[in-house]
Amino acid sequence: KNVDWFSTQLQATCNVHQSFFNDWF
């Protein structure tokens, strides 16, 4: 949709809960 770069990145990404295992995995 040719939106700004910052919005493009945020719309397409999500985080997963942080833990020692998740960081390593």
PDB file of all heavy atoms in Angstrom:
ATOM      1  N   LYS A   1       0.814  -1.218   0.000  1.00  0.00           N
ATOM      2  CA  LYS A   1       0.000   0.000   0.000  1.00  0.00           C
ATOM      3  C   LYS A   1       0.848   1.268   0.000  1.00  0.00           C
ATOM      4  O   LYS A   1       0.312   2.386   0.090  1.00  0.00           O
ATOM      5  CB  LYS A   1      -0.917   0.005   1.232  1.00  0.00           C
ATOM      6  CG  LYS A   1      -1.884  -1.178   1.295  1.00  0.00           C
ATOM      7  CD  LYS A   1      -2.822  -1.210   0.096  1.00  0.00           C
ATOM      8  CE  LYS A   1      -3.824  -2.354   0.208  1.00  0.00           C
ATOM      9  NZ  LYS A   1      -4.717  -2.453  -0.968  1.00  0.00           N
ATOM     10  N   ASN A   2       2.160   1.102  -0.089  1.00  0.00           N
ATOM     11  CA  ASN A   2       3.084   2.235  -0.127  1.00  0.00           C
ATOM     12  C   ASN A   2       2.916   3.179   1.062  1.00  0.00           C
ATOM     13  O   ASN A   2       2.991   4.400   0.927  1.00  0.00           O
ATOM     14  CB  ASN A   2       2.926   3.020  -1.441  1.00  0.00           C
ATOM     15  CG  ASN A   2       3.430   2.248  -2.635  1.00  0.00           C
ATOM     16  OD1 ASN A   2       4.521   1.673  -2.607  1.00  0.00           O
ATOM     17  ND2 ASN A   2       2.627   2.190  -3.687  1.00  0.00           N
ATOM     18  N   VAL A   3       2.666   2.585   2.237  1.00  0.00           N
ATOM     19  CA  VAL A   3       2.649   3.403   3.445  1.00  0.00           C
ATOM     20  C   VAL A   3       4.085   3.637   3.891  1.00  0.00           C
ATOM     21  O   VAL A   3       5.024   3.042   3.350  1.00  0.00           O
ATOM     22  CB  VAL A   3       1.821   2.727   4.561  1.00  0.00           C
ATOM     23  CG1 VAL A   3       0.378   2.556   4.121  1.00  0.00           C
ATOM     24  CG2 VAL A   3       2.422   1.379   4.942  1.00  0.00           C
ATOM     25  N   ASP A   4       4.268   4.491   4.890  1.00  0.00           N
ATOM     26  CA  ASP A   4       5.620   4.821   5.317  1.00  0.00           C
ATOM     27  C   ASP A   4       6.330   3.588   5.869  1.00  0.00           C
ATOM     28  O   ASP A   4       5.704   2.634   6.318  1.00  0.00           O
ATOM     29  CB  ASP A   4       5.586   5.933   6.362  1.00  0.00           C
ATOM     30  CG  ASP A   4       4.885   5.494   7.640  1.00  0.00           C
ATOM     31  OD1 ASP A   4       3.634   5.543   7.681  1.00  0.00           O
ATOM     32  OD2 ASP A   4       5.576   5.077   8.591  1.00  0.00           O
ATOM     33  N   TRP A   5       7.652   3.658   5.823  1.00  0.00           N
ATOM     34  CA  TRP A   5       8.478   2.507   6.190  1.00  0.00           C
ATOM     35  C   TRP A   5       8.209   2.053   7.616  1.00  0.00           C
ATOM     36  O   TRP A   5       8.061   0.855   7.887  1.00  0.00           O
ATOM     37  CB  TRP A   5       9.960   2.863   6.029  1.00  0.00           C
ATOM     38  CG  TRP A   5      10.905   1.753   6.365  1.00  0.00           C
ATOM     39  CD1 TRP A   5      11.352   0.763   5.550  1.00  0.00           C
ATOM     40  CD2 TRP A   5      11.515   1.498   7.656  1.00  0.00           C
ATOM     41  NE1 TRP A   5      12.204  -0.075   6.236  1.00  0.00           N
ATOM     42  CE2 TRP A   5      12.323   0.356   7.519  1.00  0.00           C
ATOM     43  CE3 TRP A   5      11.460   2.155   8.887  1.00  0.00           C
ATOM     44  CZ2 TRP A   5      13.061  -0.165   8.577  1.00  0.00           C
ATOM     45  CZ3 TRP A   5      12.191   1.630   9.943  1.00  0.00           C
ATOM     46  CH2 TRP A   5      12.985   0.477   9.783  1.00  0.00           C
ATOM     47  N   PHE A   6       8.132   2.991   8.545  1.00  0.00           N
ATOM     48  CA  PHE A   6       7.933   2.658   9.960  1.00  0.00           C
ATOM     49  C   PHE A   6       6.637   1.883  10.165  1.00  0.00           C
ATOM     50  O   PHE A   6       6.618   0.840  10.824  1.00  0.00           O
ATOM     51  CB  PHE A   6       7.911   3.958  10.780  1.00  0.00           C
ATOM     52  CG  PHE A   6       7.870   3.752  12.263  1.00  0.00           C
ATOM     53  CD1 PHE A   6       9.020   3.483  12.990  1.00  0.00           C
ATOM     54  CD2 PHE A   6       6.663   3.832  12.946  1.00  0.00           C
ATOM     55  CE1 PHE A   6       8.975   3.289  14.369  1.00  0.00           C
ATOM     56  CE2 PHE A   6       6.605   3.648  14.323  1.00  0.00           C
ATOM     57  CZ  PHE A   6       7.763   3.377  15.031  1.00  0.00           C
ATOM     58  N   SER A   7       5.556   2.334   9.555  1.00  0.00           N
ATOM     59  CA  SER A   7       4.264   1.658   9.688  1.00  0.00           C
ATOM     60  C   SER A   7       4.289   0.283   9.027  1.00  0.00           C
ATOM     61  O   SER A   7       3.700  -0.674   9.532  1.00  0.00           O
ATOM     62  CB  SER A   7       3.145   2.508   9.067  1.00  0.00           C
ATOM     63  OG  SER A   7       3.043   3.756   9.723  1.00  0.00           O
ATOM     64  N   THR A   8       4.973   0.196   7.889  1.00  0.00           N
ATOM     65  CA  THR A   8       5.079  -1.085   7.192  1.00  0.00           C
ATOM     66  C   THR A   8       5.713  -2.146   8.084  1.00  0.00           C
ATOM     67  O   THR A   8       5.250  -3.288   8.136  1.00  0.00           O
ATOM     68  CB  THR A   8       5.916  -0.937   5.908  1.00  0.00           C
ATOM     69  OG1 THR A   8       5.277  -0.004   5.040  1.00  0.00           O
ATOM     70  CG2 THR A   8       6.067  -2.264   5.183  1.00  0.00           C
ATOM     71  N   GLN A   9       6.768  -1.756   8.795  1.00  0.00           N
ATOM     72  CA  GLN A   9       7.455  -2.712   9.673  1.00  0.00           C
ATOM     73  C   GLN A   9       6.575  -3.129  10.852  1.00  0.00           C
ATOM     74  O   GLN A   9       6.531  -4.304  11.216  1.00  0.00           O
ATOM     75  CB  GLN A   9       8.765  -2.100  10.196  1.00  0.00           C
ATOM     76  CG  GLN A   9       9.724  -1.613   9.119  1.00  0.00           C
ATOM     77  CD  GLN A   9      10.116  -2.693   8.128  1.00  0.00           C
ATOM     78  OE1 GLN A   9      10.370  -3.830   8.501  1.00  0.00           O
ATOM     79  NE2 GLN A   9      10.160  -2.337   6.856  1.00  0.00           N
ATOM     80  N   LEU A  10       5.861  -2.174  11.441  1.00  0.00           N
ATOM     81  CA  LEU A  10       5.045  -2.473  12.620  1.00  0.00           C
ATOM     82  C   LEU A  10       3.822  -3.314  12.269  1.00  0.00           C
ATOM     83  O   LEU A  10       3.405  -4.169  13.050  1.00  0.00           O
ATOM     84  CB  LEU A  10       4.603  -1.181  13.298  1.00  0.00           C
ATOM     85  CG  LEU A  10       5.699  -0.396  14.025  1.00  0.00           C
ATOM     86  CD1 LEU A  10       5.116   0.865  14.642  1.00  0.00           C
ATOM     87  CD2 LEU A  10       6.358  -1.244  15.094  1.00  0.00           C
ATOM     88  N   GLN A  11       3.243  -3.089  11.101  1.00  0.00           N
ATOM     89  CA  GLN A  11       2.053  -3.843  10.699  1.00  0.00           C
ATOM     90  C   GLN A  11       2.375  -5.314  10.441  1.00  0.00           C
ATOM     91  O   GLN A  11       1.493  -6.163  10.521  1.00  0.00           O
ATOM     92  CB  GLN A  11       1.439  -3.230   9.434  1.00  0.00           C
ATOM     93  CG  GLN A  11       0.749  -1.907   9.658  1.00  0.00           C
ATOM     94  CD  GLN A  11       0.252  -1.293   8.362  1.00  0.00           C
ATOM     95  OE1 GLN A  11       0.429  -1.855   7.275  1.00  0.00           O
ATOM     96  NE2 GLN A  11      -0.366  -0.127   8.463  1.00  0.00           N
ATOM     97  N   ALA A  12       3.626  -5.600  10.123  1.00  0.00           N
ATOM     98  CA  ALA A  12       3.999  -6.958   9.691  1.00  0.00           C
ATOM     99  C   ALA A  12       4.703  -7.779  10.760  1.00  0.00           C
ATOM    100  O   ALA A  12       5.036  -8.938  10.522  1.00  0.00           O
ATOM    101  CB  ALA A  12       4.895  -6.872   8.456  1.00  0.00           C
ATOM    102  N   THR A  13       4.950  -7.211  11.936  1.00  0.00           N
ATOM    103  CA  THR A  13       5.756  -7.915  12.933  1.00  0.00           C
ATOM    104  C   THR A  13       5.060  -7.956  14.289  1.00  0.00           C
ATOM    105  O   THR A  13       4.307  -7.051  14.643  1.00  0.00           O
ATOM    106  CB  THR A  13       7.131  -7.233  13.118  1.00  0.00           C
ATOM    107  OG1 THR A  13       6.932  -5.847  13.435  1.00  0.00           O
ATOM    108  CG2 THR A  13       7.961  -7.345  11.865  1.00  0.00           C
ATOM    109  N   CYS A  14       5.323  -8.999  15.033  1.00  0.00           N
ATOM    110  CA  CYS A  14       4.860  -9.076  16.417  1.00  0.00           C
ATOM    111  C   CYS A  14       5.923  -9.784  17.240  1.00  0.00           C
ATOM    112  O   CYS A  14       6.748 -10.521  16.710  1.00  0.00           O
ATOM    113  CB  CYS A  14       3.521  -9.802  16.524  1.00  0.00           C
ATOM    114  SG  CYS A  14       3.553 -11.539  16.033  1.00  0.00           S
ATOM    115  N   ASN A  15       5.913  -9.542  18.524  1.00  0.00           N
ATOM    116  CA  ASN A  15       6.874 -10.153  19.431  1.00  0.00           C
ATOM    117  C   ASN A  15       6.289 -11.383  20.102  1.00  0.00           C
ATOM    118  O   ASN A  15       5.068 -11.570  20.131  1.00  0.00           O
ATOM    119  CB  ASN A  15       7.326  -9.148  20.491  1.00  0.00           C
ATOM    120  CG  ASN A  15       8.326  -8.145  19.938  1.00  0.00           C
ATOM    121  OD1 ASN A  15       8.669  -8.177  18.763  1.00  0.00           O
ATOM    122  ND2 ASN A  15       8.783  -7.238  20.786  1.00  0.00           N
ATOM    123  N   VAL A  16       7.164 -12.200  20.631  1.00  0.00           N
ATOM    124  CA  VAL A  16       6.782 -13.383  21.392  1.00  0.00           C
ATOM    125  C   VAL A  16       7.372 -13.229  22.787  1.00  0.00           C
ATOM    126  O   VAL A  16       8.464 -12.665  22.950  1.00  0.00           O
ATOM    127  CB  VAL A  16       7.302 -14.672  20.705  1.00  0.00           C
ATOM    128  CG1 VAL A  16       6.983 -15.903  21.534  1.00  0.00           C
ATOM    129  CG2 VAL A  16       6.709 -14.795  19.306  1.00  0.00           C
ATOM    130  N   HIS A  17       6.658 -13.724  23.777  1.00  0.00           N
ATOM    131  CA  HIS A  17       7.051 -13.567  25.175  1.00  0.00           C
ATOM    132  C   HIS A  17       8.532 -13.861  25.391  1.00  0.00           C
ATOM    133  O   HIS A  17       9.058 -14.848  24.888  1.00  0.00           O
ATOM    134  CB  HIS A  17       6.209 -14.492  26.043  1.00  0.00           C
ATOM    135  CG  HIS A  17       6.576 -14.449  27.499  1.00  0.00           C
ATOM    136  ND1 HIS A  17       6.313 -13.356  28.296  1.00  0.00           N
ATOM    137  CD2 HIS A  17       7.196 -15.360  28.294  1.00  0.00           C
ATOM    138  CE1 HIS A  17       6.758 -13.606  29.535  1.00  0.00           C
ATOM    139  NE2 HIS A  17       7.294 -14.806  29.546  1.00  0.00           N
ATOM    140  N   GLN A  18       9.173 -12.998  26.173  1.00  0.00           N
ATOM    141  CA  GLN A  18      10.592 -13.180  26.438  1.00  0.00           C
ATOM    142  C   GLN A  18      10.818 -14.148  27.583  1.00  0.00           C
ATOM    143  O   GLN A  18      10.177 -14.074  28.622  1.00  0.00           O
ATOM    144  CB  GLN A  18      11.244 -11.831  26.783  1.00  0.00           C
ATOM    145  CG  GLN A  18      12.750 -11.869  26.686  1.00  0.00           C
ATOM    146  CD  GLN A  18      13.447 -11.328  27.936  1.00  0.00           C
ATOM    147  OE1 GLN A  18      12.811 -10.743  28.789  1.00  0.00           O
ATOM    148  NE2 GLN A  18      14.737 -11.543  28.021  1.00  0.00           N
ATOM    149  N   SER A  19      11.709 -15.079  27.361  1.00  0.00           N
ATOM    150  CA  SER A  19      12.183 -15.984  28.408  1.00  0.00           C
ATOM    151  C   SER A  19      13.555 -16.457  27.979  1.00  0.00           C
ATOM    152  O   SER A  19      13.955 -16.278  26.824  1.00  0.00           O
ATOM    153  CB  SER A  19      11.240 -17.184  28.585  1.00  0.00           C
ATOM    154  OG  SER A  19      11.274 -18.030  27.440  1.00  0.00           O
ATOM    155  N   PHE A  20      14.275 -17.070  28.872  1.00  0.00           N
ATOM    156  CA  PHE A  20      15.604 -17.579  28.518  1.00  0.00           C
ATOM    157  C   PHE A  20      15.502 -18.578  27.370  1.00  0.00           C
ATOM    158  O   PHE A  20      16.278 -18.540  26.419  1.00  0.00           O
ATOM    159  CB  PHE A  20      16.262 -18.229  29.736  1.00  0.00           C
ATOM    160  CG  PHE A  20      17.619 -18.819  29.444  1.00  0.00           C
ATOM    161  CD1 PHE A  20      18.753 -18.020  29.401  1.00  0.00           C
ATOM    162  CD2 PHE A  20      17.760 -20.179  29.189  1.00  0.00           C
ATOM    163  CE1 PHE A  20      19.998 -18.559  29.111  1.00  0.00           C
ATOM    164  CE2 PHE A  20      18.999 -20.731  28.907  1.00  0.00           C
ATOM    165  CZ  PHE A  20      20.123 -19.917  28.867  1.00  0.00           C
ATOM    166  N   PHE A  21      14.488 -19.478  27.460  1.00  0.00           N
ATOM    167  CA  PHE A  21      14.318 -20.486  26.412  1.00  0.00           C
ATOM    168  C   PHE A  21      13.918 -19.840  25.091  1.00  0.00           C
ATOM    169  O   PHE A  21      14.479 -20.166  24.039  1.00  0.00           O
ATOM    170  CB  PHE A  21      13.258 -21.514  26.818  1.00  0.00           C
ATOM    171  CG  PHE A  21      12.957 -22.509  25.723  1.00  0.00           C
ATOM    172  CD1 PHE A  21      13.801 -23.581  25.482  1.00  0.00           C
ATOM    173  CD2 PHE A  21      11.836 -22.348  24.914  1.00  0.00           C
ATOM    174  CE1 PHE A  21      13.541 -24.487  24.459  1.00  0.00           C
ATOM    175  CE2 PHE A  21      11.563 -23.249  23.893  1.00  0.00           C
ATOM    176  CZ  PHE A  21      12.414 -24.324  23.668  1.00  0.00           C
ATOM    177  N   ASN A  22      12.943 -18.931  25.101  1.00  0.00           N
ATOM    178  CA  ASN A  22      12.490 -18.309  23.862  1.00  0.00           C
ATOM    179  C   ASN A  22      13.591 -17.499  23.195  1.00  0.00           C
ATOM    180  O   ASN A  22      13.697 -17.477  21.966  1.00  0.00           O
ATOM    181  CB  ASN A  22      11.276 -17.422  24.129  1.00  0.00           C
ATOM    182  CG  ASN A  22      10.009 -18.218  24.342  1.00  0.00           C
ATOM    183  OD1 ASN A  22      10.003 -19.437  24.176  1.00  0.00           O
ATOM    184  ND2 ASN A  22       8.938 -17.550  24.731  1.00  0.00           N
ATOM    185  N   ASP A  23      14.401 -16.808  23.995  1.00  0.00           N
ATOM    186  CA  ASP A  23      15.529 -16.059  23.435  1.00  0.00           C
ATOM    187  C   ASP A  23      16.487 -16.994  22.706  1.00  0.00           C
ATOM    188  O   ASP A  23      16.932 -16.710  21.593  1.00  0.00           O
ATOM    189  CB  ASP A  23      16.289 -15.323  24.539  1.00  0.00           C
ATOM    190  CG  ASP A  23      15.491 -14.177  25.133  1.00  0.00           C
ATOM    191  OD1 ASP A  23      14.406 -13.857  24.597  1.00  0.00           O
ATOM    192  OD2 ASP A  23      15.956 -13.593  26.129  1.00  0.00           O
ATOM    193  N   TRP A  24      16.810 -18.125  23.350  1.00  0.00           N
ATOM    194  CA  TRP A  24      17.738 -19.086  22.754  1.00  0.00           C
ATOM    195  C   TRP A  24      17.109 -19.782  21.557  1.00  0.00           C
ATOM    196  O   TRP A  24      17.735 -19.917  20.502  1.00  0.00           O
ATOM    197  CB  TRP A  24      18.135 -20.119  23.810  1.00  0.00           C
ATOM    198  CG  TRP A  24      18.900 -21.276  23.247  1.00  0.00           C
ATOM    199  CD1 TRP A  24      20.237 -21.326  22.951  1.00  0.00           C
ATOM    200  CD2 TRP A  24      18.362 -22.559  22.876  1.00  0.00           C
ATOM    201  NE1 TRP A  24      20.563 -22.562  22.431  1.00  0.00           N
ATOM    202  CE2 TRP A  24      19.433 -23.333  22.374  1.00  0.00           C
ATOM    203  CE3 TRP A  24      17.093 -23.119  22.935  1.00  0.00           C
ATOM    204  CZ2 TRP A  24      19.269 -24.639  21.922  1.00  0.00           C
ATOM    205  CZ3 TRP A  24      16.927 -24.424  22.485  1.00  0.00           C
ATOM    206  CH2 TRP A  24      18.001 -25.167  21.994  1.00  0.00           C
ATOM    207  N   PHE A  25      15.866 -20.246  21.717  1.00  0.00           N
ATOM    208  CA  PHE A  25      15.204 -21.024  20.673  1.00  0.00           C
ATOM    209  C   PHE A  25      15.022 -20.214  19.391  1.00  0.00           C
ATOM    210  O   PHE A  25      15.153 -20.736  18.282  1.00  0.00           O
ATOM    211  CB  PHE A  25      13.840 -21.505  21.179  1.00  0.00           C
ATOM    212  CG  PHE A  25      13.133 -22.448  20.242  1.00  0.00           C
ATOM    213  CD1 PHE A  25      13.425 -23.803  20.251  1.00  0.00           C
ATOM    214  CD2 PHE A  25      12.174 -21.983  19.350  1.00  0.00           C
ATOM    215  CE1 PHE A  25      12.776 -24.684  19.385  1.00  0.00           C
ATOM    216  CE2 PHE A  25      11.521 -22.854  18.488  1.00  0.00           C
ATOM    217  CZ  PHE A  25      11.820 -24.203  18.503  1.00  0.00           C
TER     218      PHE A  25
END
